[in-house]
Amino acid sequence: MADSTITPETNGVRYGLYTSVGMMVYFVGASFFNLTERIEFSFLNGLILAVGVCFSIARFKRSRDGRMAYLAGFGTGIITALIASVAFAFFFIVYAGVINPGIMDGLQAQDLFGYDLSVTIAFLAIILQGAMSGMIISLIAMQYFKSPEHQPMTGLE
């Protein structure tokens, strides 16, 4: 039975928060083992984001009995990625500004921005990277999750 209380917005916010918690746990674990200075390990945050977006879209499709509008599924994926990115970026501000201010020294030495990298620039970069990655992940995921009867738009030429 279709659950009409789940909208793309509520579903995206719920799974965005779940995804951000996963990203935070991974980041704290990586920081504990001094792996945050190696840029290669940030790839796993993208993987966590991809899993969160896919779970979000799958949950929304299940709530609609397997029949979901393409843009509604795409929207829930984008909202999930945006909420996860913003929440993780705020966590990074608190972590790098209060809990472990020394982390910025290692990031400045390894990052493309060098010593111009501040917590604010890192905050904005996290949001931008997460939002753009989430949009691409949502587009890719919707090719798998779209309804079987979905037809591309015709007659616009």
N, C-alpha and C. Protein backbone atom coordinates (compact mmCIF):
# COMPACT_ATOMS: atom_id res chain seq x y z
N MET A 1 0.84 -1.17 0.00
CA MET A 1 0.00 0.00 0.00
C MET A 1 0.89 1.24 0.00
N ALA A 2 0.50 2.21 -0.80
CA ALA A 2 1.28 3.44 -0.92
C ALA A 2 1.19 4.26 0.37
N ASP A 3 2.33 4.79 0.78
CA ASP A 3 2.39 5.62 1.98
C ASP A 3 2.44 7.07 1.53
N SER A 4 1.32 7.77 1.65
CA SER A 4 1.24 9.14 1.14
C SER A 4 1.92 10.14 2.07
N THR A 5 2.32 9.74 3.27
CA THR A 5 2.98 10.67 4.18
C THR A 5 4.45 10.89 3.83
N ILE A 6 5.01 10.01 3.01
CA ILE A 6 6.41 10.16 2.62
C ILE A 6 6.46 10.96 1.33
N THR A 7 7.08 12.11 1.40
CA THR A 7 7.27 12.97 0.23
C THR A 7 8.75 12.97 -0.13
N PRO A 8 9.10 13.45 -1.32
CA PRO A 8 10.53 13.53 -1.65
C PRO A 8 11.30 14.38 -0.64
N GLU A 9 10.65 15.41 -0.11
CA GLU A 9 11.33 16.30 0.83
C GLU A 9 11.58 15.61 2.18
N THR A 10 10.53 15.02 2.75
CA THR A 10 10.70 14.38 4.07
C THR A 10 11.64 13.18 3.97
N ASN A 11 11.52 12.43 2.90
CA ASN A 11 12.39 11.28 2.71
C ASN A 11 13.84 11.73 2.51
N GLY A 12 14.04 12.79 1.74
CA GLY A 12 15.39 13.30 1.51
C GLY A 12 16.04 13.83 2.78
N VAL A 13 15.25 14.53 3.60
CA VAL A 13 15.80 15.04 4.86
C VAL A 13 16.17 13.89 5.80
N ARG A 14 15.28 12.91 5.91
CA ARG A 14 15.55 11.77 6.81
C ARG A 14 16.81 11.03 6.37
N TYR A 15 16.89 10.66 5.11
CA TYR A 15 18.05 9.91 4.66
C TYR A 15 19.30 10.78 4.53
N GLY A 16 19.12 12.08 4.33
CA GLY A 16 20.26 12.99 4.34
C GLY A 16 20.91 13.04 5.71
N LEU A 17 20.09 13.07 6.75
CA LEU A 17 20.64 13.07 8.11
C LEU A 17 21.30 11.74 8.43
N TYR A 18 20.69 10.63 8.00
CA TYR A 18 21.32 9.32 8.21
C TYR A 18 22.67 9.26 7.50
N THR A 19 22.71 9.75 6.27
CA THR A 19 23.94 9.72 5.48
C THR A 19 25.01 10.60 6.12
N SER A 20 24.60 11.77 6.61
CA SER A 20 25.59 12.65 7.24
C SER A 20 26.17 12.02 8.50
N VAL A 21 25.35 11.29 9.25
CA VAL A 21 25.87 10.60 10.44
C VAL A 21 26.91 9.56 10.01
N GLY A 22 26.64 8.84 8.94
CA GLY A 22 27.62 7.88 8.43
C GLY A 22 28.91 8.55 8.02
N MET A 23 28.80 9.70 7.35
CA MET A 23 29.99 10.43 6.94
C MET A 23 30.77 10.96 8.14
N MET A 24 30.05 11.40 9.16
CA MET A 24 30.70 11.90 10.37
C MET A 24 31.44 10.79 11.10
N VAL A 25 30.81 9.65 11.23
CA VAL A 25 31.45 8.51 11.91
C VAL A 25 32.71 8.10 11.17
N TYR A 26 32.61 8.03 9.85
CA TYR A 26 33.79 7.67 9.05
C TYR A 26 34.90 8.71 9.23
N PHE A 27 34.54 9.99 9.22
CA PHE A 27 35.55 11.05 9.35
C PHE A 27 36.24 11.00 10.70
N VAL A 28 35.47 10.80 11.76
CA VAL A 28 36.07 10.72 13.10
C VAL A 28 36.97 9.49 13.18
N GLY A 29 36.54 8.38 12.61
CA GLY A 29 37.38 7.18 12.59
C GLY A 29 38.66 7.41 11.80
N ALA A 30 38.56 8.05 10.65
CA ALA A 30 39.74 8.34 9.85
C ALA A 30 40.66 9.32 10.58
N SER A 31 40.07 10.27 11.28
CA SER A 31 40.87 11.22 12.05
C SER A 31 41.59 10.53 13.21
N PHE A 32 40.92 9.56 13.81
CA PHE A 32 41.52 8.81 14.92
C PHE A 32 42.77 8.07 14.47
N PHE A 33 42.75 7.57 13.22
CA PHE A 33 43.90 6.85 12.68
C PHE A 33 44.81 7.74 11.83
N ASN A 34 44.63 9.07 11.92
CA ASN A 34 45.44 10.05 11.18
C ASN A 34 45.40 9.83 9.67
N LEU A 35 44.23 9.50 9.15
CA LEU A 35 44.07 9.28 7.72
C LEU A 35 43.43 10.48 7.01
N THR A 36 43.08 11.51 7.75
CA THR A 36 42.40 12.66 7.14
C THR A 36 43.33 13.49 6.27
N GLU A 37 44.62 13.38 6.47
CA GLU A 37 45.57 14.15 5.67
C GLU A 37 45.77 13.55 4.28
N ARG A 38 45.33 12.33 4.08
CA ARG A 38 45.47 11.69 2.78
C ARG A 38 44.16 11.85 2.01
N ILE A 39 44.23 12.57 0.93
CA ILE A 39 43.05 12.93 0.16
C ILE A 39 42.35 11.72 -0.44
N GLU A 40 43.07 10.63 -0.63
CA GLU A 40 42.48 9.43 -1.22
C GLU A 40 41.36 8.85 -0.36
N PHE A 41 41.45 9.04 0.93
CA PHE A 41 40.46 8.46 1.83
C PHE A 41 39.14 9.24 1.83
N SER A 42 39.13 10.44 1.26
CA SER A 42 37.87 11.18 1.17
C SER A 42 36.95 10.56 0.12
N PHE A 43 37.49 9.68 -0.71
CA PHE A 43 36.67 8.97 -1.70
C PHE A 43 35.58 8.16 -1.02
N LEU A 44 35.88 7.63 0.15
CA LEU A 44 34.88 6.81 0.85
C LEU A 44 33.69 7.65 1.32
N ASN A 45 33.87 8.95 1.55
CA ASN A 45 32.73 9.81 1.84
C ASN A 45 31.79 9.86 0.64
N GLY A 46 32.35 9.88 -0.57
CA GLY A 46 31.52 9.83 -1.78
C GLY A 46 30.76 8.52 -1.89
N LEU A 47 31.40 7.45 -1.48
CA LEU A 47 30.74 6.15 -1.49
C LEU A 47 29.60 6.11 -0.47
N ILE A 48 29.83 6.67 0.70
CA ILE A 48 28.78 6.75 1.72
C ILE A 48 27.62 7.59 1.20
N LEU A 49 27.93 8.68 0.52
CA LEU A 49 26.90 9.53 -0.07
C LEU A 49 26.10 8.78 -1.13
N ALA A 50 26.78 8.01 -1.96
CA ALA A 50 26.09 7.23 -3.00
C ALA A 50 25.16 6.20 -2.39
N VAL A 51 25.60 5.54 -1.35
CA VAL A 51 24.75 4.55 -0.68
C VAL A 51 23.53 5.22 -0.06
N GLY A 52 23.73 6.37 0.57
CA GLY A 52 22.62 7.10 1.18
C GLY A 52 21.60 7.55 0.14
N VAL A 53 22.06 8.06 -0.99
CA VAL A 53 21.15 8.51 -2.05
C VAL A 53 20.38 7.32 -2.61
N CYS A 54 21.06 6.21 -2.85
CA CYS A 54 20.37 5.02 -3.39
C CYS A 54 19.35 4.48 -2.40
N PHE A 55 19.69 4.42 -1.13
CA PHE A 55 18.71 3.97 -0.13
C PHE A 55 17.51 4.91 -0.06
N SER A 56 17.77 6.19 -0.18
CA SER A 56 16.70 7.18 -0.14
C SER A 56 15.73 6.99 -1.31
N ILE A 57 16.27 6.85 -2.50
CA ILE A 57 15.42 6.66 -3.68
C ILE A 57 14.68 5.34 -3.60
N ALA A 58 15.37 4.29 -3.16
CA ALA A 58 14.72 2.97 -3.04
C ALA A 58 13.58 3.01 -2.03
N ARG A 59 13.79 3.69 -0.91
CA ARG A 59 12.73 3.80 0.10
C ARG A 59 11.55 4.58 -0.43
N PHE A 60 11.81 5.64 -1.17
CA PHE A 60 10.72 6.42 -1.74
C PHE A 60 9.94 5.60 -2.76
N LYS A 61 10.64 4.81 -3.56
CA LYS A 61 9.96 3.96 -4.55
C LYS A 61 9.11 2.91 -3.86
N ARG A 62 9.64 2.31 -2.79
CA ARG A 62 8.85 1.31 -2.03
C ARG A 62 7.60 1.94 -1.43
N SER A 63 7.71 3.18 -0.98
CA SER A 63 6.55 3.84 -0.38
C SER A 63 5.48 4.15 -1.42
N ARG A 64 5.84 4.12 -2.68
CA ARG A 64 4.90 4.38 -3.77
C ARG A 64 4.52 3.10 -4.51
N ASP A 65 4.70 1.97 -3.87
CA ASP A 65 4.38 0.66 -4.47
C ASP A 65 5.10 0.44 -5.80
N GLY A 66 6.31 0.90 -5.89
CA GLY A 66 7.11 0.66 -7.09
C GLY A 66 6.81 1.60 -8.25
N ARG A 67 5.92 2.54 -8.06
CA ARG A 67 5.55 3.49 -9.11
C ARG A 67 5.90 4.89 -8.63
N MET A 68 6.95 5.44 -9.20
CA MET A 68 7.39 6.75 -8.75
C MET A 68 7.67 7.60 -9.97
N ALA A 69 7.31 8.86 -9.87
CA ALA A 69 7.63 9.82 -10.93
C ALA A 69 9.14 10.02 -10.97
N TYR A 70 9.66 10.16 -12.17
CA TYR A 70 11.10 10.28 -12.34
C TYR A 70 11.65 11.48 -11.57
N LEU A 71 11.02 12.64 -11.71
CA LEU A 71 11.53 13.83 -11.04
C LEU A 71 11.38 13.76 -9.53
N ALA A 72 10.37 13.03 -9.04
CA ALA A 72 10.22 12.88 -7.59
C ALA A 72 11.38 12.05 -7.03
N GLY A 73 11.76 11.00 -7.72
CA GLY A 73 12.90 10.19 -7.28
C GLY A 73 14.21 10.96 -7.40
N PHE A 74 14.36 11.70 -8.49
CA PHE A 74 15.55 12.52 -8.69
C PHE A 74 15.63 13.58 -7.60
N GLY A 75 14.51 14.18 -7.27
CA GLY A 75 14.46 15.21 -6.24
C GLY A 75 14.82 14.68 -4.87
N THR A 76 14.33 13.50 -4.53
CA THR A 76 14.67 12.93 -3.21
C THR A 76 16.16 12.63 -3.12
N GLY A 77 16.77 12.23 -4.22
CA GLY A 77 18.21 11.99 -4.23
C GLY A 77 19.00 13.28 -4.04
N ILE A 78 18.58 14.34 -4.72
CA ILE A 78 19.28 15.62 -4.60
C ILE A 78 19.12 16.19 -3.19
N ILE A 79 17.92 16.12 -2.64
CA ILE A 79 17.69 16.62 -1.29
C ILE A 79 18.52 15.84 -0.28
N THR A 80 18.58 14.53 -0.46
CA THR A 80 19.40 13.69 0.43
C THR A 80 20.85 14.15 0.40
N ALA A 81 21.40 14.34 -0.79
CA ALA A 81 22.80 14.74 -0.92
C ALA A 81 23.04 16.14 -0.35
N LEU A 82 22.12 17.04 -0.58
CA LEU A 82 22.29 18.41 -0.10
C LEU A 82 22.24 18.47 1.43
N ILE A 83 21.26 17.78 2.03
CA ILE A 83 21.15 17.77 3.49
C ILE A 83 22.38 17.10 4.10
N ALA A 84 22.81 15.98 3.52
CA ALA A 84 23.99 15.28 4.04
C ALA A 84 25.23 16.16 3.94
N SER A 85 25.39 16.87 2.84
CA SER A 85 26.56 17.72 2.65
C SER A 85 26.57 18.90 3.61
N VAL A 86 25.42 19.55 3.77
CA VAL A 86 25.35 20.70 4.66
C VAL A 86 25.58 20.28 6.12
N ALA A 87 24.95 19.18 6.52
CA ALA A 87 25.14 18.70 7.90
C ALA A 87 26.59 18.30 8.15
N PHE A 88 27.20 17.62 7.18
CA PHE A 88 28.60 17.23 7.34
C PHE A 88 29.51 18.46 7.35
N ALA A 89 29.20 19.47 6.54
CA ALA A 89 30.01 20.68 6.51
C ALA A 89 29.95 21.42 7.85
N PHE A 90 28.75 21.49 8.46
CA PHE A 90 28.65 22.11 9.78
C PHE A 90 29.41 21.30 10.83
N PHE A 91 29.35 19.98 10.72
CA PHE A 91 30.13 19.13 11.62
C PHE A 91 31.62 19.41 11.45
N PHE A 92 32.05 19.59 10.19
CA PHE A 92 33.47 19.86 9.94
C PHE A 92 33.90 21.18 10.57
N ILE A 93 33.03 22.19 10.53
CA ILE A 93 33.35 23.47 11.17
C ILE A 93 33.58 23.26 12.67
N VAL A 94 32.68 22.53 13.29
CA VAL A 94 32.82 22.28 14.73
C VAL A 94 34.07 21.45 15.01
N TYR A 95 34.28 20.42 14.20
CA TYR A 95 35.42 19.54 14.43
C TYR A 95 36.74 20.28 14.22
N ALA A 96 36.87 20.99 13.09
CA ALA A 96 38.14 21.66 12.76
C ALA A 96 38.32 22.94 13.56
N GLY A 97 37.24 23.52 14.04
CA GLY A 97 37.37 24.76 14.78
C GLY A 97 37.48 24.59 16.28
N VAL A 98 36.87 23.53 16.82
CA VAL A 98 36.82 23.37 18.28
C VAL A 98 37.51 22.08 18.74
N ILE A 99 37.11 20.97 18.18
CA ILE A 99 37.57 19.67 18.68
C ILE A 99 39.03 19.39 18.32
N ASN A 100 39.38 19.59 17.04
CA ASN A 100 40.73 19.28 16.59
C ASN A 100 41.22 20.36 15.63
N PRO A 101 41.58 21.54 16.14
CA PRO A 101 42.02 22.61 15.25
C PRO A 101 43.30 22.30 14.48
N GLY A 102 44.08 21.36 14.95
CA GLY A 102 45.32 21.00 14.27
C GLY A 102 45.12 20.27 12.96
N ILE A 103 43.90 19.83 12.70
CA ILE A 103 43.64 19.10 11.46
C ILE A 103 43.83 19.99 10.24
N MET A 104 43.60 21.28 10.40
CA MET A 104 43.74 22.20 9.26
C MET A 104 45.20 22.32 8.82
N ASP A 105 46.14 22.15 9.74
CA ASP A 105 47.55 22.23 9.36
C ASP A 105 47.91 21.12 8.38
N GLY A 106 47.45 19.92 8.66
CA GLY A 106 47.71 18.81 7.76
C GLY A 106 47.00 18.96 6.43
N LEU A 107 45.78 19.47 6.46
CA LEU A 107 45.04 19.67 5.22
C LEU A 107 45.64 20.79 4.37
N GLN A 108 46.13 21.82 5.02
CA GLN A 108 46.74 22.92 4.29
C GLN A 108 48.02 22.48 3.59
N ALA A 109 48.75 21.58 4.21
CA ALA A 109 50.00 21.10 3.62
C ALA A 109 49.74 20.20 2.42
N GLN A 110 48.61 19.51 2.39
CA GLN A 110 48.31 18.55 1.33
C GLN A 110 47.36 19.09 0.28
N ASP A 111 46.61 20.12 0.58
CA ASP A 111 45.52 20.56 -0.28
C ASP A 111 45.99 21.47 -1.39
N LEU A 112 45.19 21.56 -2.42
CA LEU A 112 45.46 22.41 -3.55
C LEU A 112 45.50 23.89 -3.17
N PHE A 113 44.70 24.30 -2.20
CA PHE A 113 44.65 25.69 -1.78
C PHE A 113 45.86 26.09 -0.93
N GLY A 114 46.55 25.12 -0.39
CA GLY A 114 47.71 25.41 0.45
C GLY A 114 47.32 26.14 1.71
N TYR A 115 48.10 27.17 2.06
CA TYR A 115 47.85 27.89 3.30
C TYR A 115 46.69 28.87 3.19
N ASP A 116 46.12 29.00 1.99
CA ASP A 116 44.92 29.82 1.83
C ASP A 116 43.67 29.07 2.24
N LEU A 117 43.78 27.79 2.51
CA LEU A 117 42.63 26.98 2.90
C LEU A 117 42.23 27.33 4.33
N SER A 118 41.01 27.76 4.48
CA SER A 118 40.49 28.05 5.81
C SER A 118 39.31 27.12 6.07
N VAL A 119 38.80 27.17 7.27
CA VAL A 119 37.64 26.36 7.62
C VAL A 119 36.44 26.77 6.76
N THR A 120 36.32 28.06 6.48
CA THR A 120 35.20 28.55 5.67
C THR A 120 35.28 28.03 4.24
N ILE A 121 36.44 28.06 3.65
CA ILE A 121 36.61 27.54 2.29
C ILE A 121 36.37 26.04 2.27
N ALA A 122 36.84 25.33 3.28
CA ALA A 122 36.58 23.90 3.37
C ALA A 122 35.09 23.62 3.51
N PHE A 123 34.40 24.43 4.31
CA PHE A 123 32.95 24.32 4.48
C PHE A 123 32.24 24.45 3.13
N LEU A 124 32.57 25.48 2.38
CA LEU A 124 31.94 25.69 1.08
C LEU A 124 32.31 24.59 0.08
N ALA A 125 33.54 24.13 0.12
CA ALA A 125 33.98 23.06 -0.78
C ALA A 125 33.25 21.75 -0.48
N ILE A 126 33.01 21.47 0.79
CA ILE A 126 32.29 20.26 1.17
C ILE A 126 30.86 20.31 0.64
N ILE A 127 30.21 21.45 0.78
CA ILE A 127 28.84 21.58 0.29
C ILE A 127 28.79 21.47 -1.23
N LEU A 128 29.69 22.15 -1.91
CA LEU A 128 29.71 22.11 -3.37
C LEU A 128 30.01 20.71 -3.89
N GLN A 129 31.00 20.08 -3.32
CA GLN A 129 31.36 18.73 -3.76
C GLN A 129 30.22 17.75 -3.50
N GLY A 130 29.61 17.84 -2.33
CA GLY A 130 28.51 16.93 -2.01
C GLY A 130 27.29 17.16 -2.86
N ALA A 131 26.95 18.42 -3.13
CA ALA A 131 25.76 18.71 -3.93
C ALA A 131 25.96 18.26 -5.38
N MET A 132 27.10 18.54 -5.94
CA MET A 132 27.34 18.15 -7.34
C MET A 132 27.48 16.63 -7.47
N SER A 133 28.17 16.02 -6.54
CA SER A 133 28.27 14.55 -6.57
C SER A 133 26.90 13.92 -6.39
N GLY A 134 26.10 14.48 -5.50
CA GLY A 134 24.76 13.95 -5.27
C GLY A 134 23.87 14.06 -6.47
N MET A 135 24.01 15.14 -7.23
CA MET A 135 23.20 15.28 -8.43
C MET A 135 23.58 14.22 -9.46
N ILE A 136 24.86 14.01 -9.65
CA ILE A 136 25.31 12.99 -10.60
C ILE A 136 24.91 11.59 -10.13
N ILE A 137 25.08 11.32 -8.85
CA ILE A 137 24.69 10.02 -8.31
C ILE A 137 23.19 9.80 -8.48
N SER A 138 22.39 10.84 -8.25
CA SER A 138 20.93 10.73 -8.40
C SER A 138 20.55 10.44 -9.85
N LEU A 139 21.21 11.10 -10.79
CA LEU A 139 20.93 10.83 -12.20
C LEU A 139 21.24 9.39 -12.57
N ILE A 140 22.36 8.91 -12.09
CA ILE A 140 22.76 7.53 -12.38
C ILE A 140 21.81 6.55 -11.70
N ALA A 141 21.49 6.80 -10.43
CA ALA A 141 20.62 5.88 -9.68
C ALA A 141 19.22 5.83 -10.28
N MET A 142 18.74 6.95 -10.80
CA MET A 142 17.38 6.96 -11.34
C MET A 142 17.26 6.13 -12.61
N GLN A 143 18.36 5.84 -13.28
CA GLN A 143 18.29 4.94 -14.43
C GLN A 143 17.94 3.52 -13.99
N TYR A 144 18.33 3.20 -12.78
CA TYR A 144 18.00 1.89 -12.23
C TYR A 144 16.63 1.89 -11.56
N PHE A 145 16.29 2.95 -10.84
CA PHE A 145 15.08 2.97 -10.02
C PHE A 145 13.84 3.49 -10.74
N LYS A 146 13.97 4.01 -11.95
CA LYS A 146 12.79 4.58 -12.61
C LYS A 146 11.75 3.49 -12.86
N SER A 147 10.50 3.93 -12.94
CA SER A 147 9.39 3.00 -13.14
C SER A 147 9.50 2.35 -14.51
N PRO A 148 9.05 1.10 -14.63
CA PRO A 148 9.18 0.39 -15.92
C PRO A 148 8.44 1.07 -17.06
N GLU A 149 7.34 1.75 -16.77
CA GLU A 149 6.56 2.38 -17.84
C GLU A 149 7.04 3.79 -18.19
N HIS A 150 8.15 4.21 -17.58
CA HIS A 150 8.68 5.56 -17.84
C HIS A 150 9.10 5.66 -19.30
N GLN A 151 8.61 6.69 -19.98
CA GLN A 151 8.96 6.96 -21.36
C GLN A 151 9.59 8.34 -21.45
N PRO A 152 10.62 8.51 -22.27
CA PRO A 152 11.19 9.84 -22.41
C PRO A 152 10.20 10.79 -23.07
N MET A 153 10.37 12.07 -22.83
CA MET A 153 9.48 13.07 -23.42
C MET A 153 9.67 13.10 -24.93
N THR A 154 8.57 13.22 -25.65
CA THR A 154 8.63 13.31 -27.10
C THR A 154 7.88 14.55 -27.55
N GLY A 155 8.14 14.96 -28.76
CA GLY A 155 7.41 16.07 -29.35
C GLY A 155 7.93 17.44 -28.97
N LEU A 156 9.13 17.52 -28.47
CA LEU A 156 9.69 18.83 -28.12
C LEU A 156 10.57 19.41 -29.21
N GLU A 157 10.80 18.66 -30.27
CA GLU A 157 11.71 19.12 -31.31
C GLU A 157 11.17 20.31 -31.98
